Amino acid sequence: MVREALHNVAKHAAATEVRFFIACESDGFVFRLEDNGRGFPPPSSTPESPGPPGIGLESMRQRIAKIGGNLSCTNRPEGGAVVTFRVALRRRA
């Protein structure tokens, strides 16, 4: 997931800065990646760009859902994008 997110920044964002954060929570962890690039384009329904962007993003959503997590992708108000994964960790009995 992290590698895919960084690949997307390198390939699509035209960013000059990337920051990432990992935080432990009581029931899991959060990984957040921020860049100062173009951000996510708005959904389009033109023949050249049908539907929302991102086969890679959809693949990431499916993979994180399989392990009980979630993915959030948003634009930063000052420009760029934020990708956040939340993953719950199961406790052993």
N, C-alpha and C. Protein backbone atom coordinates (compact mmCIF):
# COMPACT_ATOMS: atom_id res chain seq x y z
N MET A 1 0.82 -1.19 0.00
CA MET A 1 0.00 0.00 0.00
C MET A 1 0.87 1.26 0.00
N VAL A 2 1.86 1.26 0.87
CA VAL A 2 2.75 2.42 0.95
C VAL A 2 3.50 2.60 -0.37
N ARG A 3 4.02 1.51 -0.90
CA ARG A 3 4.76 1.57 -2.16
C ARG A 3 3.87 2.10 -3.28
N GLU A 4 2.63 1.63 -3.36
CA GLU A 4 1.69 2.09 -4.39
C GLU A 4 1.41 3.57 -4.23
N ALA A 5 1.21 4.03 -3.01
CA ALA A 5 0.95 5.45 -2.77
C ALA A 5 2.14 6.30 -3.21
N LEU A 6 3.35 5.88 -2.86
CA LEU A 6 4.55 6.63 -3.26
C LEU A 6 4.74 6.58 -4.77
N HIS A 7 4.46 5.44 -5.38
CA HIS A 7 4.54 5.33 -6.84
C HIS A 7 3.58 6.32 -7.50
N ASN A 8 2.36 6.43 -6.96
CA ASN A 8 1.38 7.35 -7.53
C ASN A 8 1.85 8.80 -7.43
N VAL A 9 2.48 9.16 -6.33
CA VAL A 9 3.02 10.51 -6.20
C VAL A 9 4.08 10.75 -7.27
N ALA A 10 5.02 9.80 -7.39
CA ALA A 10 6.11 9.96 -8.35
C ALA A 10 5.59 10.03 -9.79
N LYS A 11 4.57 9.25 -10.10
CA LYS A 11 4.09 9.17 -11.47
C LYS A 11 3.10 10.28 -11.85
N HIS A 12 2.26 10.70 -10.90
CA HIS A 12 1.13 11.57 -11.26
C HIS A 12 1.14 12.96 -10.63
N ALA A 13 1.77 13.14 -9.50
CA ALA A 13 1.53 14.36 -8.71
C ALA A 13 2.34 15.58 -9.11
N ALA A 14 3.50 15.39 -9.71
CA ALA A 14 4.42 16.50 -9.98
C ALA A 14 4.74 17.25 -8.67
N ALA A 15 4.90 16.50 -7.60
CA ALA A 15 5.16 17.07 -6.28
C ALA A 15 6.65 17.33 -6.11
N THR A 16 6.96 18.33 -5.29
CA THR A 16 8.35 18.58 -4.92
C THR A 16 8.63 18.16 -3.48
N GLU A 17 7.57 17.86 -2.73
CA GLU A 17 7.71 17.41 -1.35
C GLU A 17 6.70 16.30 -1.08
N VAL A 18 7.14 15.33 -0.29
CA VAL A 18 6.26 14.25 0.18
C VAL A 18 6.59 14.04 1.65
N ARG A 19 5.57 13.95 2.46
CA ARG A 19 5.74 13.67 3.88
C ARG A 19 4.85 12.49 4.23
N PHE A 20 5.34 11.66 5.15
CA PHE A 20 4.46 10.61 5.61
C PHE A 20 4.59 10.46 7.12
N PHE A 21 3.50 9.99 7.68
CA PHE A 21 3.36 9.86 9.12
C PHE A 21 2.79 8.49 9.44
N ILE A 22 3.27 7.91 10.51
CA ILE A 22 2.71 6.66 11.02
C ILE A 22 2.40 6.89 12.48
N ALA A 23 1.18 6.58 12.88
CA ALA A 23 0.78 6.76 14.28
C ALA A 23 0.14 5.48 14.79
N CYS A 24 0.52 5.09 15.98
CA CYS A 24 -0.12 3.95 16.65
C CYS A 24 -1.34 4.46 17.40
N GLU A 25 -2.40 3.70 17.32
CA GLU A 25 -3.62 3.99 18.07
C GLU A 25 -3.89 2.79 18.96
N SER A 26 -4.86 2.90 19.83
CA SER A 26 -5.14 1.81 20.77
C SER A 26 -5.54 0.52 20.06
N ASP A 27 -6.16 0.62 18.89
CA ASP A 27 -6.63 -0.58 18.21
C ASP A 27 -5.98 -0.82 16.85
N GLY A 28 -4.93 -0.06 16.52
CA GLY A 28 -4.29 -0.26 15.23
C GLY A 28 -3.32 0.86 14.92
N PHE A 29 -3.20 1.18 13.63
CA PHE A 29 -2.31 2.26 13.25
C PHE A 29 -2.87 3.03 12.07
N VAL A 30 -2.32 4.22 11.89
CA VAL A 30 -2.70 5.10 10.79
C VAL A 30 -1.42 5.47 10.03
N PHE A 31 -1.48 5.39 8.73
CA PHE A 31 -0.41 5.85 7.86
C PHE A 31 -0.98 6.96 7.00
N ARG A 32 -0.31 8.10 6.97
CA ARG A 32 -0.78 9.23 6.16
C ARG A 32 0.37 9.74 5.30
N LEU A 33 0.10 9.91 4.02
CA LEU A 33 1.07 10.45 3.08
C LEU A 33 0.49 11.75 2.52
N GLU A 34 1.28 12.82 2.55
CA GLU A 34 0.86 14.12 2.02
C GLU A 34 1.88 14.57 0.99
N ASP A 35 1.40 15.21 -0.09
CA ASP A 35 2.32 15.79 -1.05
C ASP A 35 1.85 17.20 -1.41
N ASN A 36 2.71 17.92 -2.10
CA ASN A 36 2.36 19.29 -2.51
C ASN A 36 2.17 19.36 -4.02
N GLY A 37 1.74 18.27 -4.61
CA GLY A 37 1.57 18.20 -6.06
C GLY A 37 0.23 18.71 -6.54
N ARG A 38 -0.24 18.12 -7.62
CA ARG A 38 -1.47 18.54 -8.29
C ARG A 38 -2.75 18.21 -7.54
N GLY A 39 -2.70 17.22 -6.68
CA GLY A 39 -3.92 16.75 -6.03
C GLY A 39 -4.68 15.81 -6.95
N PHE A 40 -5.82 15.34 -6.48
CA PHE A 40 -6.63 14.43 -7.26
C PHE A 40 -7.53 15.21 -8.20
N PRO A 41 -7.61 14.80 -9.47
CA PRO A 41 -8.51 15.49 -10.40
C PRO A 41 -9.96 15.20 -10.05
N PRO A 42 -10.85 16.11 -10.40
CA PRO A 42 -12.27 15.84 -10.14
C PRO A 42 -12.75 14.69 -11.02
N PRO A 43 -13.78 13.95 -10.57
CA PRO A 43 -14.34 12.90 -11.41
C PRO A 43 -14.79 13.48 -12.74
N SER A 44 -14.64 12.71 -13.79
CA SER A 44 -14.99 13.17 -15.13
C SER A 44 -15.83 12.11 -15.81
N SER A 45 -16.66 12.53 -16.71
CA SER A 45 -17.44 11.56 -17.47
C SER A 45 -17.24 11.77 -18.97
N THR A 46 -16.12 12.37 -19.33
CA THR A 46 -15.84 12.54 -20.75
C THR A 46 -15.33 11.22 -21.33
N PRO A 47 -15.46 11.03 -22.64
CA PRO A 47 -14.95 9.78 -23.24
C PRO A 47 -13.46 9.58 -23.03
N GLU A 48 -12.69 10.68 -22.95
CA GLU A 48 -11.26 10.57 -22.76
C GLU A 48 -10.90 10.13 -21.35
N SER A 49 -11.75 10.42 -20.39
CA SER A 49 -11.48 10.10 -18.99
C SER A 49 -12.76 9.67 -18.30
N PRO A 50 -13.25 8.47 -18.60
CA PRO A 50 -14.53 8.05 -18.03
C PRO A 50 -14.45 7.72 -16.55
N GLY A 51 -15.40 8.22 -15.81
CA GLY A 51 -15.51 7.88 -14.39
C GLY A 51 -14.40 8.45 -13.53
N PRO A 52 -14.39 8.07 -12.27
CA PRO A 52 -13.37 8.59 -11.35
C PRO A 52 -11.99 8.05 -11.70
N PRO A 53 -10.96 8.84 -11.40
CA PRO A 53 -9.61 8.41 -11.73
C PRO A 53 -9.15 7.27 -10.82
N GLY A 54 -8.17 6.53 -11.27
CA GLY A 54 -7.45 5.71 -10.35
C GLY A 54 -7.76 4.24 -10.26
N ILE A 55 -7.32 3.46 -11.22
CA ILE A 55 -7.39 2.01 -11.07
C ILE A 55 -6.53 1.60 -9.89
N GLY A 56 -5.37 2.25 -9.74
CA GLY A 56 -4.49 1.97 -8.61
C GLY A 56 -5.15 2.27 -7.28
N LEU A 57 -5.88 3.37 -7.20
CA LEU A 57 -6.57 3.72 -5.96
C LEU A 57 -7.66 2.70 -5.64
N GLU A 58 -8.38 2.27 -6.65
CA GLU A 58 -9.43 1.26 -6.41
C GLU A 58 -8.80 -0.04 -5.93
N SER A 59 -7.69 -0.42 -6.51
CA SER A 59 -6.98 -1.63 -6.07
C SER A 59 -6.54 -1.49 -4.62
N MET A 60 -6.04 -0.31 -4.26
CA MET A 60 -5.63 -0.06 -2.88
C MET A 60 -6.82 -0.18 -1.93
N ARG A 61 -7.98 0.38 -2.34
CA ARG A 61 -9.19 0.29 -1.50
C ARG A 61 -9.59 -1.17 -1.27
N GLN A 62 -9.53 -1.96 -2.32
CA GLN A 62 -9.90 -3.37 -2.21
C GLN A 62 -8.94 -4.12 -1.30
N ARG A 63 -7.64 -3.86 -1.44
CA ARG A 63 -6.65 -4.55 -0.62
C ARG A 63 -6.78 -4.18 0.85
N ILE A 64 -6.99 -2.91 1.15
CA ILE A 64 -7.10 -2.50 2.55
C ILE A 64 -8.39 -3.03 3.17
N ALA A 65 -9.46 -3.10 2.37
CA ALA A 65 -10.73 -3.64 2.88
C ALA A 65 -10.58 -5.12 3.26
N LYS A 66 -9.77 -5.86 2.52
CA LYS A 66 -9.57 -7.28 2.81
C LYS A 66 -8.95 -7.52 4.18
N ILE A 67 -8.20 -6.54 4.67
CA ILE A 67 -7.59 -6.71 5.99
C ILE A 67 -8.32 -5.88 7.06
N GLY A 68 -9.53 -5.40 6.72
CA GLY A 68 -10.35 -4.70 7.69
C GLY A 68 -10.00 -3.25 7.91
N GLY A 69 -9.29 -2.66 6.99
CA GLY A 69 -8.93 -1.24 7.11
C GLY A 69 -9.73 -0.38 6.16
N ASN A 70 -9.36 0.89 6.11
CA ASN A 70 -10.00 1.78 5.15
C ASN A 70 -8.99 2.76 4.60
N LEU A 71 -9.35 3.36 3.47
CA LEU A 71 -8.49 4.27 2.74
C LEU A 71 -9.25 5.56 2.48
N SER A 72 -8.59 6.67 2.71
CA SER A 72 -9.18 7.98 2.42
C SER A 72 -8.21 8.73 1.51
N CYS A 73 -8.73 9.32 0.44
CA CYS A 73 -7.93 10.11 -0.49
C CYS A 73 -8.60 11.47 -0.67
N THR A 74 -7.91 12.52 -0.28
CA THR A 74 -8.48 13.87 -0.36
C THR A 74 -7.44 14.85 -0.90
N ASN A 75 -7.92 16.00 -1.32
CA ASN A 75 -7.04 17.09 -1.72
C ASN A 75 -6.79 18.00 -0.54
N ARG A 76 -5.58 18.54 -0.47
CA ARG A 76 -5.23 19.51 0.56
C ARG A 76 -5.71 20.88 0.10
N PRO A 77 -6.25 21.71 1.00
CA PRO A 77 -6.71 23.05 0.60
C PRO A 77 -5.60 23.89 -0.03
N GLU A 78 -4.37 23.72 0.45
CA GLU A 78 -3.25 24.51 -0.06
C GLU A 78 -2.59 23.87 -1.29
N GLY A 79 -3.15 22.79 -1.78
CA GLY A 79 -2.63 22.09 -2.95
C GLY A 79 -1.98 20.78 -2.55
N GLY A 80 -2.11 19.81 -3.41
CA GLY A 80 -1.56 18.50 -3.12
C GLY A 80 -2.63 17.54 -2.66
N ALA A 81 -2.19 16.38 -2.25
CA ALA A 81 -3.11 15.31 -1.88
C ALA A 81 -2.73 14.71 -0.53
N VAL A 82 -3.71 14.05 0.09
CA VAL A 82 -3.50 13.31 1.32
C VAL A 82 -4.11 11.92 1.12
N VAL A 83 -3.31 10.90 1.39
CA VAL A 83 -3.77 9.51 1.35
C VAL A 83 -3.59 8.95 2.75
N THR A 84 -4.67 8.44 3.33
CA THR A 84 -4.63 7.92 4.69
C THR A 84 -5.14 6.49 4.72
N PHE A 85 -4.35 5.59 5.34
CA PHE A 85 -4.79 4.21 5.58
C PHE A 85 -5.01 4.06 7.07
N ARG A 86 -6.09 3.42 7.44
CA ARG A 86 -6.32 3.05 8.82
C ARG A 86 -6.44 1.52 8.86
N VAL A 87 -5.66 0.91 9.75
CA VAL A 87 -5.66 -0.55 9.85
C VAL A 87 -5.83 -0.94 11.31
N ALA A 88 -6.83 -1.75 11.58
CA ALA A 88 -7.05 -2.25 12.93
C ALA A 88 -6.19 -3.49 13.13
N LEU A 89 -5.62 -3.60 14.30
CA LEU A 89 -4.84 -4.79 14.65
C LEU A 89 -5.66 -5.65 15.60
N ARG A 90 -5.65 -6.92 15.34
CA ARG A 90 -6.41 -7.85 16.19
C ARG A 90 -5.55 -8.29 17.35
N ARG A 91 -6.18 -8.39 18.51
CA ARG A 91 -5.47 -8.83 19.70
C ARG A 91 -5.53 -10.34 19.77
N ARG A 92 -4.43 -10.92 20.24
CA ARG A 92 -4.41 -12.37 20.42
C ARG A 92 -5.12 -12.74 21.71
N ALA A 93 -5.79 -13.86 21.67
CA ALA A 93 -6.52 -14.33 22.85
C ALA A 93 -5.58 -14.89 23.89
